[in-house]
Amino acid sequence: MFILASCGSGSNTSNSNEIAYTSSAWLKGSNTANQHGVYGTKGQESISNALGVRVDSVSWIDSNGNMWLFGGIGYAENERGRLNDLWFYSK
């Protein structure tokens, strides 16, 4: 299970829980308030790509267990406001 947490303090973290939900592990994300995203090169995945802090985004898990996340309000790479970006996290 994927969990994306964006707290009121402006931090952004991703966690993965085991199916039994008995433990969690921090995977990636900044613990700095109001962190901007790192978008990299469009269409190319990179370990350095990262979500900026956001709220009110929409996410779903597809039939292959991959997570998709769209938009919200928060911090893009060079600006902040309403976001119109789509992120994909493979299982």
N, C-alpha and C. Protein backbone atom coordinates (compact mmCIF):
# COMPACT_ATOMS: atom_id res chain seq x y z
N MET A 1 0.84 -1.17 0.00
CA MET A 1 0.00 0.00 0.00
C MET A 1 0.89 1.24 0.00
N PHE A 2 0.58 2.19 -0.85
CA PHE A 2 1.29 3.46 -0.90
C PHE A 2 0.55 4.48 -0.05
N ILE A 3 1.28 5.30 0.66
CA ILE A 3 0.68 6.40 1.39
C ILE A 3 1.48 7.64 1.07
N LEU A 4 0.80 8.67 0.61
CA LEU A 4 1.45 9.95 0.40
C LEU A 4 0.92 10.88 1.47
N ALA A 5 1.81 11.41 2.26
CA ALA A 5 1.39 12.29 3.35
C ALA A 5 1.94 13.68 3.13
N SER A 6 1.06 14.64 3.14
CA SER A 6 1.47 16.03 3.07
C SER A 6 0.85 16.70 4.28
N CYS A 7 1.67 17.00 5.25
CA CYS A 7 1.19 17.47 6.55
C CYS A 7 1.02 18.98 6.57
N GLY A 8 0.29 19.45 7.57
CA GLY A 8 0.07 20.87 7.73
C GLY A 8 1.36 21.66 7.89
N SER A 9 2.41 21.00 8.31
CA SER A 9 3.70 21.67 8.46
C SER A 9 4.38 21.90 7.12
N GLY A 10 3.78 21.37 6.05
CA GLY A 10 4.37 21.55 4.73
C GLY A 10 5.39 20.50 4.37
N SER A 11 5.43 19.39 5.08
CA SER A 11 6.36 18.32 4.72
C SER A 11 5.67 17.36 3.78
N ASN A 12 6.45 16.58 3.05
CA ASN A 12 5.91 15.68 2.04
C ASN A 12 6.67 14.37 2.13
N THR A 13 5.99 13.28 2.47
CA THR A 13 6.65 11.99 2.60
C THR A 13 5.86 10.92 1.89
N SER A 14 6.54 9.87 1.47
CA SER A 14 5.90 8.69 0.91
C SER A 14 6.24 7.50 1.78
N ASN A 15 5.25 6.70 2.08
CA ASN A 15 5.44 5.52 2.92
C ASN A 15 4.89 4.30 2.22
N SER A 16 5.40 3.15 2.56
CA SER A 16 4.87 1.89 2.06
C SER A 16 4.58 0.99 3.25
N ASN A 17 3.36 0.51 3.34
CA ASN A 17 2.97 -0.38 4.44
C ASN A 17 2.88 -1.80 3.95
N GLU A 18 3.23 -2.74 4.82
CA GLU A 18 3.03 -4.14 4.50
C GLU A 18 1.53 -4.41 4.49
N ILE A 19 1.12 -5.48 3.85
CA ILE A 19 -0.30 -5.79 3.73
C ILE A 19 -0.98 -5.90 5.09
N ALA A 20 -0.28 -6.39 6.08
CA ALA A 20 -0.88 -6.52 7.41
C ALA A 20 -0.96 -5.17 8.12
N TYR A 21 -0.40 -4.13 7.53
CA TYR A 21 -0.42 -2.78 8.10
C TYR A 21 0.21 -2.73 9.49
N THR A 22 1.20 -3.55 9.71
CA THR A 22 1.83 -3.58 11.02
C THR A 22 3.10 -2.75 11.08
N SER A 23 3.60 -2.34 9.94
CA SER A 23 4.80 -1.52 9.95
C SER A 23 4.80 -0.60 8.74
N SER A 24 5.61 0.41 8.78
CA SER A 24 5.74 1.30 7.65
C SER A 24 7.21 1.67 7.48
N ALA A 25 7.54 2.11 6.29
CA ALA A 25 8.91 2.50 5.99
C ALA A 25 8.90 3.81 5.22
N TRP A 26 9.74 4.74 5.61
CA TRP A 26 9.87 5.99 4.88
C TRP A 26 10.62 5.68 3.59
N LEU A 27 10.05 6.04 2.45
CA LEU A 27 10.68 5.76 1.17
C LEU A 27 11.40 6.97 0.59
N LYS A 28 10.72 8.09 0.56
CA LYS A 28 11.29 9.26 -0.09
C LYS A 28 10.44 10.46 0.27
N GLY A 29 11.03 11.60 0.29
CA GLY A 29 10.28 12.83 0.51
C GLY A 29 11.05 13.77 1.42
N SER A 30 10.78 15.02 1.23
CA SER A 30 11.47 16.03 2.01
C SER A 30 10.80 16.21 3.37
N ASN A 31 11.59 16.54 4.35
CA ASN A 31 11.03 16.90 5.66
C ASN A 31 11.19 18.41 5.88
N THR A 32 11.41 19.14 4.79
CA THR A 32 11.55 20.58 4.82
C THR A 32 10.22 21.23 4.44
N ALA A 33 9.79 22.24 5.17
CA ALA A 33 8.52 22.92 4.88
C ALA A 33 8.56 23.59 3.51
N ASN A 34 7.42 23.57 2.83
CA ASN A 34 7.22 24.27 1.56
C ASN A 34 8.22 23.87 0.48
N GLN A 35 8.51 22.58 0.40
CA GLN A 35 9.50 22.05 -0.54
C GLN A 35 8.93 22.02 -1.96
N HIS A 36 9.69 22.56 -2.91
CA HIS A 36 9.31 22.52 -4.33
C HIS A 36 9.60 21.13 -4.90
N GLY A 37 8.90 20.78 -5.98
CA GLY A 37 9.13 19.51 -6.65
C GLY A 37 10.37 19.54 -7.52
N VAL A 38 10.82 18.37 -7.90
CA VAL A 38 11.92 18.21 -8.85
C VAL A 38 11.36 17.40 -10.01
N TYR A 39 11.18 18.02 -11.16
CA TYR A 39 10.49 17.40 -12.28
C TYR A 39 11.41 16.68 -13.25
N GLY A 40 12.65 17.06 -13.35
CA GLY A 40 13.57 16.38 -14.26
C GLY A 40 13.17 16.56 -15.72
N THR A 41 13.48 15.56 -16.54
CA THR A 41 13.18 15.59 -17.97
C THR A 41 11.87 14.87 -18.23
N LYS A 42 10.94 15.53 -18.91
CA LYS A 42 9.62 14.96 -19.20
C LYS A 42 9.76 13.61 -19.90
N GLY A 43 9.07 12.61 -19.37
CA GLY A 43 9.05 11.28 -19.97
C GLY A 43 10.20 10.38 -19.54
N GLN A 44 11.13 10.89 -18.75
CA GLN A 44 12.26 10.08 -18.29
C GLN A 44 12.23 9.98 -16.77
N GLU A 45 12.17 8.74 -16.28
CA GLU A 45 12.19 8.58 -14.83
C GLU A 45 13.59 8.81 -14.28
N SER A 46 13.63 9.30 -13.05
CA SER A 46 14.91 9.56 -12.40
C SER A 46 14.72 9.45 -10.90
N ILE A 47 15.71 8.92 -10.23
CA ILE A 47 15.67 8.80 -8.78
C ILE A 47 15.61 10.17 -8.11
N SER A 48 16.05 11.22 -8.80
CA SER A 48 16.04 12.55 -8.21
C SER A 48 14.71 13.29 -8.39
N ASN A 49 13.79 12.77 -9.23
CA ASN A 49 12.47 13.39 -9.37
C ASN A 49 11.71 13.25 -8.05
N ALA A 50 10.99 14.30 -7.66
CA ALA A 50 10.27 14.27 -6.39
C ALA A 50 9.06 15.20 -6.43
N LEU A 51 8.01 14.78 -5.76
CA LEU A 51 6.83 15.62 -5.61
C LEU A 51 7.14 16.83 -4.75
N GLY A 52 6.53 17.95 -5.08
CA GLY A 52 6.55 19.08 -4.17
C GLY A 52 5.42 18.92 -3.17
N VAL A 53 5.46 19.67 -2.11
CA VAL A 53 4.39 19.63 -1.10
C VAL A 53 3.08 20.03 -1.77
N ARG A 54 1.99 19.32 -1.46
CA ARG A 54 0.69 19.61 -2.07
C ARG A 54 -0.45 19.12 -1.19
N VAL A 55 -1.62 19.69 -1.42
CA VAL A 55 -2.86 19.25 -0.80
C VAL A 55 -3.90 19.14 -1.90
N ASP A 56 -5.00 18.47 -1.61
CA ASP A 56 -6.15 18.37 -2.53
C ASP A 56 -5.82 17.72 -3.86
N SER A 57 -4.86 16.82 -3.88
CA SER A 57 -4.57 16.07 -5.11
C SER A 57 -5.50 14.87 -5.18
N VAL A 58 -5.53 14.22 -6.34
CA VAL A 58 -6.32 13.01 -6.56
C VAL A 58 -5.35 11.89 -6.87
N SER A 59 -5.53 10.72 -6.24
CA SER A 59 -4.65 9.59 -6.53
C SER A 59 -5.48 8.32 -6.66
N TRP A 60 -4.93 7.35 -7.37
CA TRP A 60 -5.59 6.07 -7.54
C TRP A 60 -4.55 4.99 -7.80
N ILE A 61 -4.95 3.76 -7.57
CA ILE A 61 -4.12 2.59 -7.85
C ILE A 61 -4.72 1.89 -9.06
N ASP A 62 -3.91 1.63 -10.09
CA ASP A 62 -4.43 0.94 -11.28
C ASP A 62 -4.48 -0.57 -11.06
N SER A 63 -4.94 -1.29 -12.06
CA SER A 63 -5.12 -2.74 -11.93
C SER A 63 -3.81 -3.50 -11.78
N ASN A 64 -2.68 -2.84 -12.06
CA ASN A 64 -1.36 -3.46 -11.89
C ASN A 64 -0.73 -3.11 -10.55
N GLY A 65 -1.45 -2.34 -9.71
CA GLY A 65 -0.93 -1.97 -8.41
C GLY A 65 -0.04 -0.74 -8.41
N ASN A 66 -0.01 0.00 -9.53
CA ASN A 66 0.79 1.22 -9.62
C ASN A 66 -0.04 2.41 -9.14
N MET A 67 0.62 3.38 -8.53
CA MET A 67 -0.07 4.56 -8.03
C MET A 67 0.09 5.73 -8.99
N TRP A 68 -1.01 6.43 -9.23
CA TRP A 68 -1.05 7.63 -10.04
C TRP A 68 -1.50 8.77 -9.14
N LEU A 69 -0.94 9.96 -9.33
CA LEU A 69 -1.32 11.12 -8.54
C LEU A 69 -1.42 12.32 -9.48
N PHE A 70 -2.54 13.05 -9.38
CA PHE A 70 -2.77 14.19 -10.26
C PHE A 70 -3.04 15.47 -9.47
N GLY A 71 -2.36 16.53 -9.84
CA GLY A 71 -2.66 17.89 -9.42
C GLY A 71 -2.65 18.18 -7.94
N GLY A 72 -3.49 19.13 -7.56
CA GLY A 72 -3.58 19.60 -6.20
C GLY A 72 -3.19 21.07 -6.11
N ILE A 73 -2.97 21.53 -4.92
CA ILE A 73 -2.51 22.89 -4.67
C ILE A 73 -1.21 22.78 -3.91
N GLY A 74 -0.16 23.40 -4.41
CA GLY A 74 1.12 23.27 -3.73
C GLY A 74 2.27 23.84 -4.52
N TYR A 75 3.41 23.17 -4.45
CA TYR A 75 4.67 23.67 -4.99
C TYR A 75 5.13 22.82 -6.17
N ALA A 76 5.17 23.46 -7.34
CA ALA A 76 5.75 22.83 -8.52
C ALA A 76 7.27 23.04 -8.48
N GLU A 77 7.92 22.86 -9.59
CA GLU A 77 9.38 22.99 -9.60
C GLU A 77 9.83 24.44 -9.36
N ASN A 78 9.16 25.40 -9.98
CA ASN A 78 9.59 26.79 -9.87
C ASN A 78 8.51 27.76 -9.42
N GLU A 79 7.35 27.26 -9.05
CA GLU A 79 6.25 28.13 -8.65
C GLU A 79 5.34 27.39 -7.68
N ARG A 80 4.33 28.10 -7.19
CA ARG A 80 3.35 27.46 -6.33
C ARG A 80 1.95 27.89 -6.75
N GLY A 81 0.97 27.08 -6.41
CA GLY A 81 -0.41 27.38 -6.78
C GLY A 81 -1.12 26.10 -7.17
N ARG A 82 -2.10 26.22 -8.07
CA ARG A 82 -2.84 25.06 -8.56
C ARG A 82 -1.94 24.25 -9.50
N LEU A 83 -1.84 22.96 -9.23
CA LEU A 83 -0.95 22.10 -10.00
C LEU A 83 -1.73 21.30 -11.03
N ASN A 84 -1.13 21.09 -12.18
CA ASN A 84 -1.73 20.33 -13.27
C ASN A 84 -0.70 19.31 -13.75
N ASP A 85 -0.20 18.48 -12.81
CA ASP A 85 0.84 17.52 -13.15
C ASP A 85 0.36 16.11 -12.79
N LEU A 86 0.91 15.13 -13.49
CA LEU A 86 0.55 13.73 -13.28
C LEU A 86 1.82 12.96 -12.92
N TRP A 87 1.77 12.24 -11.80
CA TRP A 87 2.91 11.44 -11.32
C TRP A 87 2.53 9.97 -11.33
N PHE A 88 3.51 9.12 -11.64
CA PHE A 88 3.30 7.67 -11.69
C PHE A 88 4.36 7.00 -10.83
N TYR A 89 3.91 6.14 -9.94
CA TYR A 89 4.83 5.35 -9.10
C TYR A 89 4.57 3.87 -9.38
N SER A 90 5.59 3.18 -9.87
CA SER A 90 5.42 1.76 -10.18
C SER A 90 5.49 0.94 -8.92
N LYS A 91 4.80 -0.18 -8.95
CA LYS A 91 4.72 -1.09 -7.81
C LYS A 91 6.05 -1.67 -7.48
